[in-house]
PDB file of N, CA and C in Angstrom:
ATOM      1  N   UNK A   1       0.675  -1.145   0.017  1.00  0.00           N
ATOM      2  CA  UNK A   1      -0.066   0.287   0.138  1.00  0.00           C
ATOM      3  C   UNK A   1       0.816   1.023  -0.132  1.00  0.00           C
ATOM      4  N   UNK A   2       2.116   1.056   0.424  1.00  0.00           N
ATOM      5  CA  UNK A   2       2.826   2.801   0.579  1.00  0.00           C
ATOM      6  C   UNK A   2       3.464   3.007  -0.990  1.00  0.00           C
ATOM      7  N   UNK A   3       3.498   1.827  -1.090  1.00  0.00           N
ATOM      8  CA  UNK A   3       4.223   2.301  -2.725  1.00  0.00           C
ATOM      9  C   UNK A   3       3.066   2.581  -3.430  1.00  0.00           C
ATOM     10  N   UNK A   4       2.117   2.162  -3.465  1.00  0.00           N
ATOM     11  CA  UNK A   4       0.848   2.708  -4.180  1.00  0.00           C
ATOM     12  C   UNK A   4       1.084   4.046  -4.261  1.00  0.00           C
ATOM     13  N   UNK A   5       0.559   4.254  -2.546  1.00  0.00           N
ATOM     14  CA  UNK A   5       0.483   5.700  -1.847  1.00  0.00           C
ATOM     15  C   UNK A   5       1.749   7.062  -2.677  1.00  0.00           C
ATOM     16  N   UNK A   6       2.847   6.471  -2.807  1.00  0.00           N
ATOM     17  CA  UNK A   6       4.022   7.159  -3.255  1.00  0.00           C
ATOM     18  C   UNK A   6       3.579   7.273  -4.702  1.00  0.00           C
ATOM     19  N   UNK A   7       3.496   5.600  -5.225  1.00  0.00           N
ATOM     20  CA  UNK A   7       3.288   6.208  -6.642  1.00  0.00           C
ATOM     21  C   UNK A   7       2.514   7.448  -7.412  1.00  0.00           C
ATOM     22  N   UNK A   8       0.779   7.185  -6.710  1.00  0.00           N
ATOM     23  CA  UNK A   8       0.348   8.125  -6.806  1.00  0.00           C
ATOM     24  C   UNK A   8       0.997   9.471  -6.395  1.00  0.00           C
ATOM     25  N   UNK A   9       0.951  10.037  -5.379  1.00  0.00           N
ATOM     26  CA  UNK A   9       1.639  11.213  -5.644  1.00  0.00           C
ATOM     27  C   UNK A   9       2.383  11.656  -6.011  1.00  0.00           C
ATOM     28  N   UNK A  10       3.625  10.416  -6.883  1.00  0.00           N
ATOM     29  CA  UNK A  10       4.331  11.169  -7.891  1.00  0.00           C
ATOM     30  C   UNK A  10       3.626  11.396  -9.247  1.00  0.00           C
ATOM     31  N   UNK A  11       2.747  10.265  -9.222  1.00  0.00           N
ATOM     32  CA  UNK A  11       1.908  10.976 -10.718  1.00  0.00           C
ATOM     33  C   UNK A  11       1.382  11.935 -10.735  1.00  0.00           C
ATOM     34  N   UNK A  12       0.012  12.182  -9.841  1.00  0.00           N
ATOM     35  CA  UNK A  12      -0.740  13.203  -9.534  1.00  0.00           C
ATOM     36  C   UNK A  12       0.132  14.921  -9.818  1.00  0.00           C
ATOM     37  N   UNK A  13       1.120  14.632  -8.926  1.00  0.00           N
ATOM     38  CA  UNK A  13       2.078  16.798  -8.164  1.00  0.00           C
ATOM     39  C   UNK A  13       3.298  16.334  -9.561  1.00  0.00           C
ATOM     40  N   UNK A  14       3.735  14.989  -9.705  1.00  0.00           N
ATOM     41  CA  UNK A  14       5.038  15.264 -10.564  1.00  0.00           C
ATOM     42  C   UNK A  14       4.926  14.900 -12.403  1.00  0.00           C
ATOM     43  N   UNK A  15       3.744  14.720 -12.178  1.00  0.00           N
ATOM     44  CA  UNK A  15       2.990  13.813 -13.662  1.00  0.00           C
ATOM     45  C   UNK A  15       4.083  13.017 -14.028  1.00  0.00           C
ATOM     46  N   UNK A  16       4.097  11.990 -13.123  1.00  0.00           N
ATOM     47  CA  UNK A  16       5.035  10.601 -13.618  1.00  0.00           C
ATOM     48  C   UNK A  16       5.085   9.853 -14.949  1.00  0.00           C
ATOM     49  N   UNK A  17       3.617   9.748 -14.791  1.00  0.00           N
ATOM     50  CA  UNK A  17       3.630   8.772 -15.667  1.00  0.00           C
ATOM     51  C   UNK A  17       3.425   9.119 -17.010  1.00  0.00           C
ATOM     52  N   UNK A  18       3.464  10.909 -16.832  1.00  0.00           N
ATOM     53  CA  UNK A  18       3.121  11.477 -18.644  1.00  0.00           C
ATOM     54  C   UNK A  18       4.112  11.177 -19.011  1.00  0.00           C
ATOM     55  N   UNK A  19       5.758  10.937 -18.477  1.00  0.00           N
ATOM     56  CA  UNK A  19       6.426  11.349 -18.609  1.00  0.00           C
ATOM     57  C   UNK A  19       7.050  10.720 -20.023  1.00  0.00           C
ATOM     58  N   UNK A  20       8.048  11.242 -20.817  1.00  0.00           N
ATOM     59  CA  UNK A  20       8.225  11.081 -22.534  1.00  0.00           C
ATOM     60  C   UNK A  20       9.812  10.677 -22.451  1.00  0.00           C
ATOM     61  N   UNK A  21      10.517   9.990 -21.497  1.00  0.00           N
ATOM     62  CA  UNK A  21      11.659   9.390 -21.472  1.00  0.00           C
ATOM     63  C   UNK A  21      11.704   8.326 -21.717  1.00  0.00           C
ATOM     64  N   UNK A  22      12.232   7.811 -22.752  1.00  0.00           N
ATOM     65  CA  UNK A  22      12.506   6.695 -23.321  1.00  0.00           C
ATOM     66  C   UNK A  22      13.625   5.853 -22.772  1.00  0.00           C
ATOM     67  N   UNK A  23      14.934   6.172 -22.753  1.00  0.00           N
ATOM     68  CA  UNK A  23      15.943   6.110 -22.012  1.00  0.00           C
ATOM     69  C   UNK A  23      16.087   5.571 -20.569  1.00  0.00           C
ATOM     70  N   UNK A  24      15.723   3.862 -20.621  1.00  0.00           N
ATOM     71  CA  UNK A  24      15.939   3.301 -19.185  1.00  0.00           C
ATOM     72  C   UNK A  24      16.904   3.990 -17.806  1.00  0.00           C
ATOM     73  N   UNK A  25      18.004   4.192 -18.126  1.00  0.00           N
ATOM     74  CA  UNK A  25      18.943   5.027 -17.509  1.00  0.00           C
ATOM     75  C   UNK A  25      18.603   6.607 -17.109  1.00  0.00           C
ATOM     76  N   UNK A  26      17.788   7.588 -17.929  1.00  0.00           N
ATOM     77  CA  UNK A  26      17.348   8.922 -17.748  1.00  0.00           C
ATOM     78  C   UNK A  26      15.858   8.584 -16.737  1.00  0.00           C
ATOM     79  N   UNK A  27      15.348   7.611 -17.212  1.00  0.00           N
ATOM     80  CA  UNK A  27      13.640   7.651 -16.610  1.00  0.00           C
ATOM     81  C   UNK A  27      14.351   7.691 -14.797  1.00  0.00           C
ATOM     82  N   UNK A  28      14.927   6.357 -15.246  1.00  0.00           N
ATOM     83  CA  UNK A  28      15.713   6.318 -13.190  1.00  0.00           C
ATOM     84  C   UNK A  28      16.385   6.726 -12.305  1.00  0.00           C
ATOM     85  N   UNK A  29      16.572   7.566 -13.253  1.00  0.00           N
ATOM     86  CA  UNK A  29      17.455   9.567 -12.696  1.00  0.00           C
ATOM     87  C   UNK A  29      16.654  10.218 -12.549  1.00  0.00           C
ATOM     88  N   UNK A  30      15.690  10.340 -13.058  1.00  0.00           N
ATOM     89  CA  UNK A  30      14.634  11.679 -13.209  1.00  0.00           C
ATOM     90  C   UNK A  30      13.201  10.964 -11.713  1.00  0.00           C
ATOM     91  N   UNK A  31      13.025   9.657 -11.587  1.00  0.00           N
ATOM     92  CA  UNK A  31      12.498   9.401 -10.825  1.00  0.00           C
ATOM     93  C   UNK A  31      13.154   9.632  -9.724  1.00  0.00           C
ATOM     94  N   UNK A  32      14.492   9.572  -9.254  1.00  0.00           N
ATOM     95  CA  UNK A  32      15.309   9.479  -8.289  1.00  0.00           C
ATOM     96  C   UNK A  32      15.062  11.081  -7.563  1.00  0.00           C
ATOM     97  N   UNK A  33      15.532  12.083  -9.031  1.00  0.00           N
ATOM     98  CA  UNK A  33      15.323  13.457  -8.973  1.00  0.00           C
ATOM     99  C   UNK A  33      14.075  13.922  -7.973  1.00  0.00           C
ATOM    100  N   UNK A  34      12.454  13.385  -8.857  1.00  0.00           N
ATOM    101  CA  UNK A  34      11.589  13.472  -8.496  1.00  0.00           C
ATOM    102  C   UNK A  34      11.044  13.146  -6.694  1.00  0.00           C
ATOM    103  N   UNK A  35      11.612  11.697  -6.560  1.00  0.00           N
ATOM    104  CA  UNK A  35      10.992  11.764  -5.211  1.00  0.00           C
ATOM    105  C   UNK A  35      11.978  12.619  -4.497  1.00  0.00           C
ATOM    106  N   UNK A  36      13.258  12.842  -4.616  1.00  0.00           N
ATOM    107  CA  UNK A  36      13.806  13.549  -3.371  1.00  0.00           C
ATOM    108  C   UNK A  36      13.117  15.083  -3.282  1.00  0.00           C
ATOM    109  N   UNK A  37      12.636  15.586  -4.349  1.00  0.00           N
ATOM    110  CA  UNK A  37      11.865  16.886  -4.741  1.00  0.00           C
ATOM    111  C   UNK A  37      10.862  16.477  -3.958  1.00  0.00           C
ATOM    112  N   UNK A  38      10.001  15.760  -3.884  1.00  0.00           N
ATOM    113  CA  UNK A  38       8.837  15.279  -3.356  1.00  0.00           C
ATOM    114  C   UNK A  38       9.056  15.458  -1.879  1.00  0.00           C
ATOM    115  N   UNK A  39       9.978  14.644  -1.483  1.00  0.00           N
ATOM    116  CA  UNK A  39      10.495  14.422  -0.301  1.00  0.00           C
ATOM    117  C   UNK A  39      10.512  15.563   0.371  1.00  0.00           C
ATOM    118  N   UNK A  40      11.611  16.674  -0.286  1.00  0.00           N
ATOM    119  CA  UNK A  40      11.925  17.940  -0.031  1.00  0.00           C
ATOM    120  C   UNK A  40      10.373  19.101   0.668  1.00  0.00           C
ATOM    121  N   UNK A  41       9.899  18.252  -0.647  1.00  0.00           N
ATOM    122  CA  UNK A  41       8.314  19.746  -0.099  1.00  0.00           C
ATOM    123  C   UNK A  41       7.627  19.239   0.565  1.00  0.00           C
ATOM    124  N   UNK A  42       7.691  17.952   1.115  1.00  0.00           N
ATOM    125  CA  UNK A  42       6.350  17.575   1.499  1.00  0.00           C
ATOM    126  C   UNK A  42       7.154  17.772   3.611  1.00  0.00           C
ATOM    127  N   UNK A  43       8.008  17.668   3.212  1.00  0.00           N
ATOM    128  CA  UNK A  43       8.718  18.030   4.724  1.00  0.00           C
ATOM    129  C   UNK A  43       9.128  19.608   4.771  1.00  0.00           C
ATOM    130  N   UNK A  44       8.652  20.943   3.950  1.00  0.00           N
ATOM    131  CA  UNK A  44       9.168  22.208   4.264  1.00  0.00           C
ATOM    132  C   UNK A  44       8.029  22.889   5.203  1.00  0.00           C
ATOM    133  N   UNK A  45       7.890  23.585   5.626  1.00  0.00           N
ATOM    134  CA  UNK A  45       6.962  23.929   6.740  1.00  0.00           C
ATOM    135  C   UNK A  45       6.502  25.292   5.507  1.00  0.00           C
ATOM    136  N   UNK A  46       5.170  25.429   5.717  1.00  0.00           N
ATOM    137  CA  UNK A  46       4.668  26.461   4.854  1.00  0.00           C
ATOM    138  C   UNK A  46       3.182  26.308   4.926  1.00  0.00           C
ATOM    139  N   UNK A  47       2.420  27.381   5.858  1.00  0.00           N
ATOM    140  CA  UNK A  47       0.818  27.221   6.020  1.00  0.00           C
ATOM    141  C   UNK A  47       0.362  28.578   5.067  1.00  0.00           C
ATOM    142  N   UNK A  48      -0.587  28.114   4.696  1.00  0.00           N
ATOM    143  CA  UNK A  48      -1.578  29.038   3.862  1.00  0.00           C
ATOM    144  C   UNK A  48      -3.061  28.719   4.320  1.00  0.00           C
ATOM    145  N   UNK A  49      -3.773  29.781   5.021  1.00  0.00           N
ATOM    146  CA  UNK A  49      -4.464  30.061   5.993  1.00  0.00           C
ATOM    147  C   UNK A  49      -4.896  29.215   7.381  1.00  0.00           C
ATOM    148  N   UNK A  50      -4.079  29.529   7.995  1.00  0.00           N
ATOM    149  CA  UNK A  50      -3.834  28.468   8.929  1.00  0.00           C
ATOM    150  C   UNK A  50      -4.369  26.703   9.161  1.00  0.00           C
ATOM    151  N   UNK A  51      -3.834  25.978   7.812  1.00  0.00           N
ATOM    152  CA  UNK A  51      -3.763  25.170   7.456  1.00  0.00           C
ATOM    153  C   UNK A  51      -2.450  24.590   6.894  1.00  0.00           C
ATOM    154  N   UNK A  52      -2.187  23.452   6.844  1.00  0.00           N
ATOM    155  CA  UNK A  52      -0.238  23.049   6.075  1.00  0.00           C
ATOM    156  C   UNK A  52      -0.699  23.240   4.480  1.00  0.00           C
ATOM    157  N   UNK A  53      -0.579  23.911   3.936  1.00  0.00           N
ATOM    158  CA  UNK A  53      -0.017  24.066   2.455  1.00  0.00           C
ATOM    159  C   UNK A  53       0.369  22.529   1.588  1.00  0.00           C
ATOM    160  N   UNK A  54      -0.383  22.426   0.559  1.00  0.00           N
ATOM    161  CA  UNK A  54      -0.487  21.328  -0.505  1.00  0.00           C
ATOM    162  C   UNK A  54       0.819  21.339  -1.240  1.00  0.00           C
ATOM    163  N   UNK A  55       1.256  20.666  -1.598  1.00  0.00           N
ATOM    164  CA  UNK A  55       2.190  20.197  -2.343  1.00  0.00           C
ATOM    165  C   UNK A  55       2.716  20.970  -3.330  1.00  0.00           C
ATOM    166  N   UNK A  56       1.508  20.762  -4.371  1.00  0.00           N
ATOM    167  CA  UNK A  56       1.659  21.666  -5.728  1.00  0.00           C
ATOM    168  C   UNK A  56       1.458  23.389  -5.134  1.00  0.00           C
ATOM    169  N   UNK A  57       0.704  23.944  -3.895  1.00  0.00           N
ATOM    170  CA  UNK A  57       0.882  25.113  -3.649  1.00  0.00           C
ATOM    171  C   UNK A  57       2.911  25.491  -2.833  1.00  0.00           C
ATOM    172  N   UNK A  58       3.342  24.253  -2.490  1.00  0.00           N
ATOM    173  CA  UNK A  58       5.006  24.795  -2.292  1.00  0.00           C
ATOM    174  C   UNK A  58       5.920  24.718  -3.412  1.00  0.00           C
ATOM    175  N   UNK A  59       5.502  24.139  -4.319  1.00  0.00           N
ATOM    176  CA  UNK A  59       5.950  24.524  -6.047  1.00  0.00           C
ATOM    177  C   UNK A  59       5.414  25.478  -6.410  1.00  0.00           C
ATOM    178  N   UNK A  60       4.448  25.851  -6.381  1.00  0.00           N
ATOM    179  CA  UNK A  60       4.682  27.114  -7.093  1.00  0.00           C
ATOM    180  C   UNK A  60       5.024  28.002  -5.986  1.00  0.00           C
ATOM    181  N   UNK A  61       5.226  27.926  -4.777  1.00  0.00           N
ATOM    182  CA  UNK A  61       6.004  29.204  -4.044  1.00  0.00           C
ATOM    183  C   UNK A  61       7.370  28.799  -4.197  1.00  0.00           C
ATOM    184  N   UNK A  62       8.012  28.112  -4.514  1.00  0.00           N
ATOM    185  CA  UNK A  62       9.163  27.944  -4.678  1.00  0.00           C
ATOM    186  C   UNK A  62       9.787  28.665  -6.494  1.00  0.00           C
ATOM    187  N   UNK A  63       8.246  28.475  -7.540  1.00  0.00           N
ATOM    188  CA  UNK A  63       8.978  28.925  -8.784  1.00  0.00           C
ATOM    189  C   UNK A  63       9.223  30.483  -8.065  1.00  0.00           C
ATOM    190  N   UNK A  64       7.961  31.214  -7.359  1.00  0.00           N
ATOM    191  CA  UNK A  64       8.152  32.216  -6.929  1.00  0.00           C
ATOM    192  C   UNK A  64       9.056  33.462  -6.270  1.00  0.00           C
ATOM    193  N   UNK A  65       9.238  32.563  -5.235  1.00  0.00           N
ATOM    194  CA  UNK A  65      10.163  33.280  -3.747  1.00  0.00           C
ATOM    195  C   UNK A  65      11.317  32.134  -3.970  1.00  0.00           C
ATOM    196  N   UNK A  66      12.151  33.028  -4.340  1.00  0.00           N
ATOM    197  CA  UNK A  66      13.697  32.328  -4.164  1.00  0.00           C
ATOM    198  C   UNK A  66      14.001  32.416  -3.075  1.00  0.00           C
ATOM    199  N   UNK A  67      13.533  33.146  -1.842  1.00  0.00           N
ATOM    200  CA  UNK A  67      13.996  32.660  -0.750  1.00  0.00           C
ATOM    201  C   UNK A  67      13.558  31.174  -0.282  1.00  0.00           C
ATOM    202  N   UNK A  68      11.933  31.459  -0.300  1.00  0.00           N
ATOM    203  CA  UNK A  68      11.655  30.175  -0.104  1.00  0.00           C
ATOM    204  C   UNK A  68      12.520  29.123  -0.746  1.00  0.00           C
ATOM    205  N   UNK A  69      12.567  28.624  -1.798  1.00  0.00           N
ATOM    206  CA  UNK A  69      13.182  27.685  -2.152  1.00  0.00           C
ATOM    207  C   UNK A  69      14.572  27.367  -1.807  1.00  0.00           C
ATOM    208  N   UNK A  70      15.395  28.277  -0.982  1.00  0.00           N
ATOM    209  CA  UNK A  70      16.582  28.532  -0.376  1.00  0.00           C
ATOM    210  C   UNK A  70      16.431  28.128   0.711  1.00  0.00           C
ATOM    211  N   UNK A  71      15.338  28.230   1.719  1.00  0.00           N
ATOM    212  CA  UNK A  71      14.554  28.157   2.874  1.00  0.00           C
ATOM    213  C   UNK A  71      14.836  26.339   2.576  1.00  0.00           C
ATOM    214  N   UNK A  72      14.392  25.795   1.378  1.00  0.00           N
ATOM    215  CA  UNK A  72      13.788  24.588   1.354  1.00  0.00           C
ATOM    216  C   UNK A  72      14.849  23.958   1.192  1.00  0.00           C
ATOM    217  N   UNK A  73      15.675  24.496   0.471  1.00  0.00           N
ATOM    218  CA  UNK A  73      16.988  23.437   0.032  1.00  0.00           C
ATOM    219  C   UNK A  73      18.023  23.462   0.923  1.00  0.00           C
ATOM    220  N   UNK A  74      18.720  24.717   1.495  1.00  0.00           N
ATOM    221  CA  UNK A  74      19.270  25.069   2.983  1.00  0.00           C
ATOM    222  C   UNK A  74      18.681  24.087   4.135  1.00  0.00           C
ATOM    223  N   UNK A  75      17.197  23.867   4.391  1.00  0.00           N
ATOM    224  CA  UNK A  75      17.046  23.137   6.110  1.00  0.00           C
ATOM    225  C   UNK A  75      16.861  21.514   5.601  1.00  0.00           C
ATOM    226  N   UNK A  76      17.527  21.314   4.266  1.00  0.00           N
ATOM    227  CA  UNK A  76      17.128  19.696   4.180  1.00  0.00           C
ATOM    228  C   UNK A  76      17.805  18.836   4.889  1.00  0.00           C
ATOM    229  N   UNK A  77      17.501  18.227   5.703  1.00  0.00           N
ATOM    230  CA  UNK A  77      17.827  16.854   6.579  1.00  0.00           C
ATOM    231  C   UNK A  77      18.917  16.102   5.758  1.00  0.00           C
ATOM    232  N   UNK A  78      19.952  16.164   6.063  1.00  0.00           N
ATOM    233  CA  UNK A  78      21.271  15.005   5.793  1.00  0.00           C
ATOM    234  C   UNK A  78      21.015  13.744   6.410  1.00  0.00           C
ATOM    235  N   UNK A  79      20.915  12.665   5.602  1.00  0.00           N
ATOM    236  CA  UNK A  79      21.226  11.406   6.588  1.00  0.00           C
ATOM    237  C   UNK A  79      22.293  11.023   6.821  1.00  0.00           C
TER     238      UNK A  79
END
């Protein structure tokens, strides 16, 4: 079930199933980058109207607000 939920999020938010990359290595690399970005966005703190913002709204804010994007990248937890 966990894999299905993770794949659903990748498909809905990152549109992974509609990717037109045909090279297997490139597709795998893009999948890793998408998962990494999704994890960064899901752990980022950003509230809209007193509730946690959605992943797509965090993505839009990253595009429009360089400080928010830097904050997400610089505060990521390294393992």
